[in-house]
Amino acid sequence: MERSMLTYFELEPGTCFPEHSHESEQITLVLSGELVFAIGDDEVVVGPLEAIAIPGNVPHAVRCVDAVVAVDAWAPPPERLRTDN
Protein backbone atom coordinates (compact mmCIF):
# COMPACT_ATOMS: atom_id res chain seq x y z
CA MET A 1 0.00 0.00 0.00
CA GLU A 2 1.25 3.41 -0.81
CA ARG A 3 -1.14 5.68 1.10
CA SER A 4 -2.08 3.75 4.25
CA MET A 5 -0.87 0.91 6.45
CA LEU A 6 -1.99 -1.15 9.44
CA THR A 7 0.46 -2.46 12.04
CA TYR A 8 -0.36 -4.98 14.77
CA PHE A 9 1.64 -4.91 17.99
CA GLU A 10 1.87 -6.40 21.46
CA LEU A 11 3.52 -4.52 24.35
CA GLU A 12 4.66 -5.57 27.81
CA PRO A 13 3.38 -3.77 30.94
CA GLY A 14 5.33 -0.58 31.61
CA THR A 15 6.50 -0.11 28.01
CA CYS A 16 6.96 3.62 27.25
CA PHE A 17 7.51 5.64 24.11
CA PRO A 18 8.97 9.06 24.98
CA GLU A 19 7.56 12.18 23.38
CA HIS A 20 7.92 12.08 19.62
CA SER A 21 6.09 13.13 16.48
CA HIS A 22 5.87 11.91 12.91
CA GLU A 23 4.48 13.26 9.67
CA SER A 24 1.97 10.42 9.36
CA GLU A 25 -1.50 10.55 10.85
CA GLN A 26 -1.95 7.74 13.36
CA ILE A 27 -5.06 5.99 14.65
CA THR A 28 -4.49 3.50 17.47
CA LEU A 29 -7.17 0.90 18.26
CA VAL A 30 -6.55 -0.93 21.54
CA LEU A 31 -7.76 -4.53 21.43
CA SER A 32 -6.81 -5.37 25.02
CA GLY A 33 -5.06 -3.56 27.87
CA GLU A 34 -4.71 0.19 28.35
CA LEU A 35 -2.50 2.84 26.79
CA VAL A 36 -2.05 6.33 28.21
CA PHE A 37 -1.28 9.01 25.61
CA ALA A 38 0.24 12.30 26.77
CA ILE A 39 -0.56 15.06 24.30
CA GLY A 40 0.42 18.53 25.49
CA ASP A 41 -0.92 18.92 29.03
CA ASP A 42 -3.61 16.27 28.50
CA GLU A 43 -3.53 12.54 29.24
CA VAL A 44 -5.93 10.29 27.37
CA VAL A 45 -6.51 6.71 28.55
CA VAL A 46 -7.43 4.35 25.71
CA GLY A 47 -8.84 0.99 26.77
CA PRO A 48 -10.14 -2.13 25.02
CA LEU A 49 -12.05 -1.43 21.80
CA GLU A 50 -11.33 2.31 22.07
CA ALA A 51 -9.32 4.34 19.60
CA ILE A 52 -7.42 7.61 19.45
CA ALA A 53 -6.55 9.66 16.36
CA ILE A 54 -3.34 11.69 16.39
CA PRO A 55 -2.78 14.18 13.56
CA GLY A 56 0.59 14.28 11.86
CA ASN A 57 3.37 16.32 13.50
CA VAL A 58 1.65 16.42 16.92
CA PRO A 59 4.09 15.58 19.74
CA HIS A 60 2.87 12.75 21.97
CA ALA A 61 4.17 10.15 24.41
CA VAL A 62 2.67 6.74 25.23
CA ARG A 63 2.89 4.35 28.16
CA CYS A 64 1.36 0.94 28.84
CA VAL A 65 -0.61 0.44 32.02
CA ASP A 66 -0.61 -3.32 31.49
CA ALA A 67 0.02 -5.73 28.61
CA VAL A 68 -1.43 -4.27 25.41
CA VAL A 69 -2.54 -5.66 22.07
CA ALA A 70 -3.36 -2.98 19.53
CA VAL A 71 -3.44 -1.94 15.88
CA ASP A 72 -2.14 1.31 14.41
CA ALA A 73 -3.44 2.76 11.16
CA TRP A 74 -1.00 5.09 9.40
CA ALA A 75 -1.50 7.54 6.54
CA PRO A 76 0.82 7.79 4.77
CA PRO A 77 2.89 4.81 5.95
CA PRO A 78 5.98 5.97 7.87
CA GLU A 79 9.17 5.23 5.95
CA ARG A 80 10.59 3.34 8.96
CA LEU A 81 7.70 0.83 8.76
CA ARG A 82 7.53 0.33 5.01
CA THR A 83 8.55 -3.10 3.77
CA ASP A 84 8.69 -2.22 0.07
CA ASN A 85 11.83 -0.04 0.26
PDB file of N, CA and C in Angstrom:
ATOM      1  N   MET A   1       0.838  -1.188   0.000  1.00  0.00           N
ATOM      2  CA  MET A   1       0.000   0.000   0.000  1.00  0.00           C
ATOM      3  C   MET A   1       0.876   1.242   0.000  1.00  0.00           C
ATOM      4  N   GLU A   2       0.470   2.188  -0.734  1.00  0.00           N
ATOM      5  CA  GLU A   2       1.251   3.412  -0.812  1.00  0.00           C
ATOM      6  C   GLU A   2       0.731   4.506   0.105  1.00  0.00           C
ATOM      7  N   ARG A   3      -0.574   4.532   0.374  1.00  0.00           N
ATOM      8  CA  ARG A   3      -1.138   5.676   1.096  1.00  0.00           C
ATOM      9  C   ARG A   3      -1.600   5.364   2.505  1.00  0.00           C
ATOM     10  N   SER A   4      -1.670   4.099   2.893  1.00  0.00           N
ATOM     11  CA  SER A   4      -2.079   3.751   4.252  1.00  0.00           C
ATOM     12  C   SER A   4      -1.474   2.406   4.636  1.00  0.00           C
ATOM     13  N   MET A   5      -1.467   2.143   5.947  1.00  0.00           N
ATOM     14  CA  MET A   5      -0.867   0.913   6.450  1.00  0.00           C
ATOM     15  C   MET A   5      -1.456   0.600   7.812  1.00  0.00           C
ATOM     16  N   LEU A   6      -1.619  -0.700   8.103  1.00  0.00           N
ATOM     17  CA  LEU A   6      -1.990  -1.154   9.442  1.00  0.00           C
ATOM     18  C   LEU A   6      -0.806  -1.909  10.036  1.00  0.00           C
ATOM     19  N   THR A   7      -0.564  -1.689  11.333  1.00  0.00           N
ATOM     20  CA  THR A   7       0.458  -2.458  12.039  1.00  0.00           C
ATOM     21  C   THR A   7      -0.162  -3.021  13.314  1.00  0.00           C
ATOM     22  N   TYR A   8       0.105  -4.289  13.578  1.00  0.00           N
ATOM     23  CA  TYR A   8      -0.364  -4.982  14.769  1.00  0.00           C
ATOM     24  C   TYR A   8       0.812  -5.035  15.735  1.00  0.00           C
ATOM     25  N   PHE A   9       0.542  -4.809  17.040  1.00  0.00           N
ATOM     26  CA  PHE A   9       1.637  -4.910  17.991  1.00  0.00           C
ATOM     27  C   PHE A   9       1.160  -5.373  19.354  1.00  0.00           C
ATOM     28  N   GLU A  10       2.092  -5.962  20.090  1.00  0.00           N
ATOM     29  CA  GLU A  10       1.875  -6.399  21.464  1.00  0.00           C
ATOM     30  C   GLU A  10       2.962  -5.764  22.323  1.00  0.00           C
ATOM     31  N   LEU A  11       2.577  -5.210  23.474  1.00  0.00           N
ATOM     32  CA  LEU A  11       3.515  -4.520  24.355  1.00  0.00           C
ATOM     33  C   LEU A  11       3.446  -5.075  25.766  1.00  0.00           C
ATOM     34  N   GLU A  12       4.579  -5.119  26.418  1.00  0.00           N
ATOM     35  CA  GLU A  12       4.663  -5.566  27.808  1.00  0.00           C
ATOM     36  C   GLU A  12       4.222  -4.443  28.750  1.00  0.00           C
ATOM     37  N   PRO A  13       3.740  -4.792  29.943  1.00  0.00           N
ATOM     38  CA  PRO A  13       3.383  -3.766  30.937  1.00  0.00           C
ATOM     39  C   PRO A  13       4.576  -2.844  31.191  1.00  0.00           C
ATOM     40  N   GLY A  14       4.285  -1.556  31.316  1.00  0.00           N
ATOM     41  CA  GLY A  14       5.326  -0.578  31.614  1.00  0.00           C
ATOM     42  C   GLY A  14       6.095  -0.070  30.409  1.00  0.00           C
ATOM     43  N   THR A  15       5.819  -0.600  29.212  1.00  0.00           N
ATOM     44  CA  THR A  15       6.499  -0.107  28.010  1.00  0.00           C
ATOM     45  C   THR A  15       6.157   1.365  27.811  1.00  0.00           C
ATOM     46  N   CYS A  16       7.172   2.176  27.482  1.00  0.00           N
ATOM     47  CA  CYS A  16       6.961   3.617  27.253  1.00  0.00           C
ATOM     48  C   CYS A  16       7.601   4.041  25.940  1.00  0.00           C
ATOM     49  N   PHE A  17       6.952   4.982  25.285  1.00  0.00           N
ATOM     50  CA  PHE A  17       7.505   5.636  24.108  1.00  0.00           C
ATOM     51  C   PHE A  17       7.610   7.116  24.456  1.00  0.00           C
ATOM     52  N   PRO A  18       8.831   7.650  24.616  1.00  0.00           N
ATOM     53  CA  PRO A  18       8.972   9.055  24.985  1.00  0.00           C
ATOM     54  C   PRO A  18       8.365   9.973  23.927  1.00  0.00           C
ATOM     55  N   GLU A  19       8.193  11.218  24.296  1.00  0.00           N
ATOM     56  CA  GLU A  19       7.563  12.179  23.384  1.00  0.00           C
ATOM     57  C   GLU A  19       8.265  12.153  22.023  1.00  0.00           C
ATOM     58  N   HIS A  20       7.438  12.098  21.000  1.00  0.00           N
ATOM     59  CA  HIS A  20       7.916  12.076  19.624  1.00  0.00           C
ATOM     60  C   HIS A  20       6.799  12.590  18.723  1.00  0.00           C
ATOM     61  N   SER A  21       7.116  12.790  17.478  1.00  0.00           N
ATOM     62  CA  SER A  21       6.094  13.131  16.479  1.00  0.00           C
ATOM     63  C   SER A  21       6.529  12.512  15.155  1.00  0.00           C
ATOM     64  N   HIS A  22       5.592  12.451  14.233  1.00  0.00           N
ATOM     65  CA  HIS A  22       5.869  11.910  12.906  1.00  0.00           C
ATOM     66  C   HIS A  22       4.906  12.569  11.931  1.00  0.00           C
ATOM     67  N   GLU A  23       5.313  12.618  10.683  1.00  0.00           N
ATOM     68  CA  GLU A  23       4.476  13.263   9.668  1.00  0.00           C
ATOM     69  C   GLU A  23       3.163  12.536   9.457  1.00  0.00           C
ATOM     70  N   SER A  24       3.160  11.233   9.634  1.00  0.00           N
ATOM     71  CA  SER A  24       1.970  10.424   9.365  1.00  0.00           C
ATOM     72  C   SER A  24       0.881  10.657  10.396  1.00  0.00           C
ATOM     73  N   GLU A  25      -0.360  10.607   9.931  1.00  0.00           N
ATOM     74  CA  GLU A  25      -1.497  10.549  10.846  1.00  0.00           C
ATOM     75  C   GLU A  25      -1.532   9.143  11.425  1.00  0.00           C
ATOM     76  N   GLN A  26      -1.948   9.035  12.679  1.00  0.00           N
ATOM     77  CA  GLN A  26      -1.952   7.740  13.364  1.00  0.00           C
ATOM     78  C   GLN A  26      -3.288   7.543  14.073  1.00  0.00           C
ATOM     79  N   ILE A  27      -3.884   6.393  13.878  1.00  0.00           N
ATOM     80  CA  ILE A  27      -5.062   5.989  14.649  1.00  0.00           C
ATOM     81  C   ILE A  27      -4.683   4.703  15.363  1.00  0.00           C
ATOM     82  N   THR A  28      -4.804   4.692  16.685  1.00  0.00           N
ATOM     83  CA  THR A  28      -4.493   3.501  17.474  1.00  0.00           C
ATOM     84  C   THR A  28      -5.786   2.930  18.022  1.00  0.00           C
ATOM     85  N   LEU A  29      -6.036   1.647  17.733  1.00  0.00           N
ATOM     86  CA  LEU A  29      -7.170   0.903  18.263  1.00  0.00           C
ATOM     87  C   LEU A  29      -6.623  -0.124  19.243  1.00  0.00           C
ATOM     88  N   VAL A  30      -6.986   0.006  20.517  1.00  0.00           N
ATOM     89  CA  VAL A  30      -6.545  -0.934  21.536  1.00  0.00           C
ATOM     90  C   VAL A  30      -7.500  -2.122  21.534  1.00  0.00           C
ATOM     91  N   LEU A  31      -6.949  -3.313  21.402  1.00  0.00           N
ATOM     92  CA  LEU A  31      -7.759  -4.527  21.428  1.00  0.00           C
ATOM     93  C   LEU A  31      -7.875  -5.076  22.843  1.00  0.00           C
ATOM     94  N   SER A  32      -6.776  -4.991  23.609  1.00  0.00           N
ATOM     95  CA  SER A  32      -6.808  -5.372  25.023  1.00  0.00           C
ATOM     96  C   SER A  32      -5.743  -4.583  25.764  1.00  0.00           C
ATOM     97  N   GLY A  33      -5.971  -4.354  27.057  1.00  0.00           N
ATOM     98  CA  GLY A  33      -5.056  -3.562  27.870  1.00  0.00           C
ATOM     99  C   GLY A  33      -5.421  -2.089  27.832  1.00  0.00           C
ATOM    100  N   GLU A  34      -4.508  -1.261  28.325  1.00  0.00           N
ATOM    101  CA  GLU A  34      -4.713   0.190  28.353  1.00  0.00           C
ATOM    102  C   GLU A  34      -3.437   0.918  27.986  1.00  0.00           C
ATOM    103  N   LEU A  35      -3.588   1.929  27.131  1.00  0.00           N
ATOM    104  CA  LEU A  35      -2.501   2.840  26.791  1.00  0.00           C
ATOM    105  C   LEU A  35      -2.857   4.219  27.313  1.00  0.00           C
ATOM    106  N   VAL A  36      -1.854   4.946  27.786  1.00  0.00           N
ATOM    107  CA  VAL A  36      -2.047   6.332  28.207  1.00  0.00           C
ATOM    108  C   VAL A  36      -1.227   7.204  27.255  1.00  0.00           C
ATOM    109  N   PHE A  37      -1.916   8.085  26.536  1.00  0.00           N
ATOM    110  CA  PHE A  37      -1.276   9.012  25.615  1.00  0.00           C
ATOM    111  C   PHE A  37      -1.166  10.369  26.288  1.00  0.00           C
ATOM    112  N   ALA A  38       0.022  10.946  26.283  1.00  0.00           N
ATOM    113  CA  ALA A  38       0.245  12.305  26.770  1.00  0.00           C
ATOM    114  C   ALA A  38       0.384  13.197  25.547  1.00  0.00           C
ATOM    115  N   ILE A  39      -0.552  14.129  25.422  1.00  0.00           N
ATOM    116  CA  ILE A  39      -0.559  15.065  24.298  1.00  0.00           C
ATOM    117  C   ILE A  39      -0.676  16.460  24.900  1.00  0.00           C
ATOM    118  N   GLY A  40       0.403  17.229  24.820  1.00  0.00           N
ATOM    119  CA  GLY A  40       0.422  18.534  25.491  1.00  0.00           C
ATOM    120  C   GLY A  40       0.258  18.320  26.985  1.00  0.00           C
ATOM    121  N   ASP A  41      -0.662  19.048  27.601  1.00  0.00           N
ATOM    122  CA  ASP A  41      -0.923  18.920  29.034  1.00  0.00           C
ATOM    123  C   ASP A  41      -1.991  17.875  29.335  1.00  0.00           C
ATOM    124  N   ASP A  42      -2.527  17.231  28.321  1.00  0.00           N
ATOM    125  CA  ASP A  42      -3.612  16.266  28.504  1.00  0.00           C
ATOM    126  C   ASP A  42      -3.100  14.837  28.499  1.00  0.00           C
ATOM    127  N   GLU A  43      -3.749  13.985  29.295  1.00  0.00           N
ATOM    128  CA  GLU A  43      -3.526  12.544  29.240  1.00  0.00           C
ATOM    129  C   GLU A  43      -4.836  11.885  28.838  1.00  0.00           C
ATOM    130  N   VAL A  44      -4.757  10.988  27.873  1.00  0.00           N
ATOM    131  CA  VAL A  44      -5.929  10.288  27.374  1.00  0.00           C
ATOM    132  C   VAL A  44      -5.703   8.791  27.571  1.00  0.00           C
ATOM    133  N   VAL A  45      -6.592   8.153  28.334  1.00  0.00           N
ATOM    134  CA  VAL A  45      -6.512   6.714  28.553  1.00  0.00           C
ATOM    135  C   VAL A  45      -7.359   6.027  27.485  1.00  0.00           C
ATOM    136  N   VAL A  46      -6.744   5.076  26.780  1.00  0.00           N
ATOM    137  CA  VAL A  46      -7.428   4.350  25.714  1.00  0.00           C
ATOM    138  C   VAL A  46      -7.457   2.879  26.108  1.00  0.00           C
ATOM    139  N   GLY A  47      -8.660   2.363  26.318  1.00  0.00           N
ATOM    140  CA  GLY A  47      -8.836   0.985  26.767  1.00  0.00           C
ATOM    141  C   GLY A  47      -9.334   0.081  25.663  1.00  0.00           C
ATOM    142  N   PRO A  48      -9.706  -1.144  26.013  1.00  0.00           N
ATOM    143  CA  PRO A  48     -10.138  -2.127  25.021  1.00  0.00           C
ATOM    144  C   PRO A  48     -11.279  -1.620  24.133  1.00  0.00           C
ATOM    145  N   LEU A  49     -11.093  -1.808  22.844  1.00  0.00           N
ATOM    146  CA  LEU A  49     -12.050  -1.429  21.797  1.00  0.00           C
ATOM    147  C   LEU A  49     -12.292   0.075  21.729  1.00  0.00           C
ATOM    148  N   GLU A  50     -11.322   0.853  22.224  1.00  0.00           N
ATOM    149  CA  GLU A  50     -11.333   2.309  22.075  1.00  0.00           C
ATOM    150  C   GLU A  50     -10.187   2.706  21.155  1.00  0.00           C
ATOM    151  N   ALA A  51     -10.331   3.865  20.542  1.00  0.00           N
ATOM    152  CA  ALA A  51      -9.319   4.342  19.599  1.00  0.00           C
ATOM    153  C   ALA A  51      -9.004   5.807  19.856  1.00  0.00           C
ATOM    154  N   ILE A  52      -7.828   6.215  19.397  1.00  0.00           N
ATOM    155  CA  ILE A  52      -7.425   7.611  19.451  1.00  0.00           C
ATOM    156  C   ILE A  52      -6.826   7.968  18.095  1.00  0.00           C
ATOM    157  N   ALA A  53      -7.101   9.165  17.617  1.00  0.00           N
ATOM    158  CA  ALA A  53      -6.546   9.665  16.361  1.00  0.00           C
ATOM    159  C   ALA A  53      -5.577  10.794  16.685  1.00  0.00           C
ATOM    160  N   ILE A  54      -4.365  10.687  16.156  1.00  0.00           N
ATOM    161  CA  ILE A  54      -3.341  11.692  16.388  1.00  0.00           C
ATOM    162  C   ILE A  54      -2.942  12.271  15.033  1.00  0.00           C
ATOM    163  N   PRO A  55      -3.169  13.563  14.840  1.00  0.00           N
ATOM    164  CA  PRO A  55      -2.778  14.182  13.564  1.00  0.00           C
ATOM    165  C   PRO A  55      -1.263  14.134  13.368  1.00  0.00           C
ATOM    166  N   GLY A  56      -0.828  14.235  12.141  1.00  0.00           N
ATOM    167  CA  GLY A  56       0.593  14.281  11.856  1.00  0.00           C
ATOM    168  C   GLY A  56       1.258  15.467  12.534  1.00  0.00           C
ATOM    169  N   ASN A  57       2.520  15.283  12.909  1.00  0.00           N
ATOM    170  CA  ASN A  57       3.370  16.317  13.500  1.00  0.00           C
ATOM    171  C   ASN A  57       2.929  16.801  14.875  1.00  0.00           C
ATOM    172  N   VAL A  58       2.064  16.062  15.561  1.00  0.00           N
ATOM    173  CA  VAL A  58       1.649  16.422  16.921  1.00  0.00           C
ATOM    174  C   VAL A  58       2.503  15.625  17.914  1.00  0.00           C
ATOM    175  N   PRO A  59       3.285  16.304  18.757  1.00  0.00           N
ATOM    176  CA  PRO A  59       4.092  15.583  19.743  1.00  0.00           C
ATOM    177  C   PRO A  59       3.213  14.821  20.732  1.00  0.00           C
ATOM    178  N   HIS A  60       3.615  13.577  21.028  1.00  0.00           N
ATOM    179  CA  HIS A  60       2.871  12.745  21.966  1.00  0.00           C
ATOM    180  C   HIS A  60       3.802  11.696  22.561  1.00  0.00           C
ATOM    181  N   ALA A  61       3.456  11.235  23.742  1.00  0.00           N
ATOM    182  CA  ALA A  61       4.165  10.146  24.407  1.00  0.00           C
ATOM    183  C   ALA A  61       3.131   9.089  24.758  1.00  0.00           C
ATOM    184  N   VAL A  62       3.595   7.844  24.954  1.00  0.00           N
ATOM    185  CA  VAL A  62       2.670   6.742  25.232  1.00  0.00           C
ATOM    186  C   VAL A  62       3.285   5.843  26.292  1.00  0.00           C
ATOM    187  N   ARG A  63       2.430   5.361  27.205  1.00  0.00           N
ATOM    188  CA  ARG A  63       2.887   4.351  28.163  1.00  0.00           C
ATOM    189  C   ARG A  63       1.808   3.295  28.336  1.00  0.00           C
ATOM    190  N   CYS A  64       2.258   2.071  28.616  1.00  0.00           N
ATOM    191  CA  CYS A  64       1.359   0.941  28.836  1.00  0.00           C
ATOM    192  C   CYS A  64       1.049   0.819  30.312  1.00  0.00           C
ATOM    193  N   VAL A  65      -0.210   0.705  30.651  1.00  0.00           N
ATOM    194  CA  VAL A  65      -0.614   0.439  32.023  1.00  0.00           C
ATOM    195  C   VAL A  65      -0.406  -1.038  32.316  1.00  0.00           C
ATOM    196  N   ASP A  66      -0.754  -1.879  31.361  1.00  0.00           N
ATOM    197  CA  ASP A  66      -0.610  -3.322  31.486  1.00  0.00           C
ATOM    198  C   ASP A  66      -0.242  -3.870  30.109  1.00  0.00           C
ATOM    199  N   ALA A  67      -0.261  -5.168  29.931  1.00  0.00           N
ATOM    200  CA  ALA A  67       0.022  -5.733  28.612  1.00  0.00           C
ATOM    201  C   ALA A  67      -1.007  -5.221  27.604  1.00  0.00           C
ATOM    202  N   VAL A  68      -0.550  -4.878  26.421  1.00  0.00           N
ATOM    203  CA  VAL A  68      -1.425  -4.271  25.412  1.00  0.00           C
ATOM    204  C   VAL A  68      -1.310  -5.021  24.094  1.00  0.00           C
ATOM    205  N   VAL A  69      -2.457  -5.204  23.454  1.00  0.00           N
ATOM    206  CA  VAL A  69      -2.536  -5.661  22.075  1.00  0.00           C
ATOM    207  C   VAL A  69      -3.298  -4.570  21.335  1.00  0.00           C
ATOM    208  N   ALA A  70      -2.734  -4.103  20.221  1.00  0.00           N
ATOM    209  CA  ALA A  70      -3.359  -2.978  19.530  1.00  0.00           C
ATOM    210  C   ALA A  70      -3.001  -2.992  18.050  1.00  0.00           C
ATOM    211  N   VAL A  71      -3.687  -2.130  17.310  1.00  0.00           N
ATOM    212  CA  VAL A  71      -3.440  -1.942  15.885  1.00  0.00           C
ATOM    213  C   VAL A  71      -3.302  -0.445  15.639  1.00  0.00           C
ATOM    214  N   ASP A  72      -2.289  -0.078  14.857  1.00  0.00           N
ATOM    215  CA  ASP A  72      -2.137   1.311  14.410  1.00  0.00           C
ATOM    216  C   ASP A  72      -2.493   1.390  12.940  1.00  0.00           C
ATOM    217  N   ALA A  73      -3.217   2.427  12.564  1.00  0.00           N
ATOM    218  CA  ALA A  73      -3.440   2.762  11.158  1.00  0.00           C
ATOM    219  C   ALA A  73      -2.617   4.014  10.872  1.00  0.00           C
ATOM    220  N   TRP A  74      -1.891   3.994   9.772  1.00  0.00           N
ATOM    221  CA  TRP A  74      -0.999   5.093   9.403  1.00  0.00           C
ATOM    222  C   TRP A  74      -1.359   5.614   8.016  1.00  0.00           C
ATOM    223  N   ALA A  75      -1.304   6.939   7.861  1.00  0.00           N
ATOM    224  CA  ALA A  75      -1.498   7.540   6.542  1.00  0.00           C
ATOM    225  C   ALA A  75      -0.666   8.819   6.461  1.00  0.00           C
ATOM    226  N   PRO A  76       0.275   8.885   5.561  1.00  0.00           N
ATOM    227  CA  PRO A  76       0.821   7.788   4.768  1.00  0.00           C
ATOM    228  C   PRO A  76       1.684   6.888   5.645  1.00  0.00           C
ATOM    229  N   PRO A  77       2.045   5.709   5.161  1.00  0.00           N
ATOM    230  CA  PRO A  77       2.888   4.815   5.955  1.00  0.00           C
ATOM    231  C   PRO A  77       4.231   5.471   6.273  1.00  0.00           C
ATOM    232  N   PRO A  78       4.654   5.411   7.532  1.00  0.00           N
ATOM    233  CA  PRO A  78       5.978   5.966   7.872  1.00  0.00           C
ATOM    234  C   PRO A  78       7.077   5.187   7.148  1.00  0.00           C
ATOM    235  N   GLU A  79       8.078   5.882   6.665  1.00  0.00           N
ATOM    236  CA  GLU A  79       9.169   5.225   5.948  1.00  0.00           C
ATOM    237  C   GLU A  79       9.797   4.124   6.776  1.00  0.00           C
ATOM    238  N   ARG A  80       9.933   4.321   8.104  1.00  0.00           N
ATOM    239  CA  ARG A  80      10.592   3.337   8.964  1.00  0.00           C
ATOM    240  C   ARG A  80       9.829   2.030   9.043  1.00  0.00           C
ATOM    241  N   LEU A  81       8.530   2.042   8.682  1.00  0.00           N
ATOM    242  CA  LEU A  81       7.699   0.833   8.761  1.00  0.00           C
ATOM    243  C   LEU A  81       7.452   0.177   7.402  1.00  0.00           C
ATOM    244  N   ARG A  82       7.797   0.860   6.349  1.00  0.00           N
ATOM    245  CA  ARG A  82       7.528   0.326   5.005  1.00  0.00           C
ATOM    246  C   ARG A  82       8.392  -0.889   4.732  1.00  0.00           C
ATOM    247  N   THR A  83       7.808  -1.877   4.098  1.00  0.00           N
ATOM    248  CA  THR A  83       8.552  -3.096   3.770  1.00  0.00           C
ATOM    249  C   THR A  83       8.894  -3.168   2.282  1.00  0.00           C
ATOM    250  N   ASP A  84       8.450  -2.186   1.514  1.00  0.00           N
ATOM    251  CA  ASP A  84       8.690  -2.222   0.069  1.00  0.00           C
ATOM    252  C   ASP A  84       9.866  -1.363  -0.360  1.00  0.00           C
ATOM    253  N   ASN A  85      10.662  -0.894   0.598  1.00  0.00           N
ATOM    254  CA  ASN A  85      11.826  -0.043   0.260  1.00  0.00           C
ATOM    255  C   ASN A  85      13.010  -0.884  -0.128  1.00  0.00           C
TER     256      ASN A  85
END
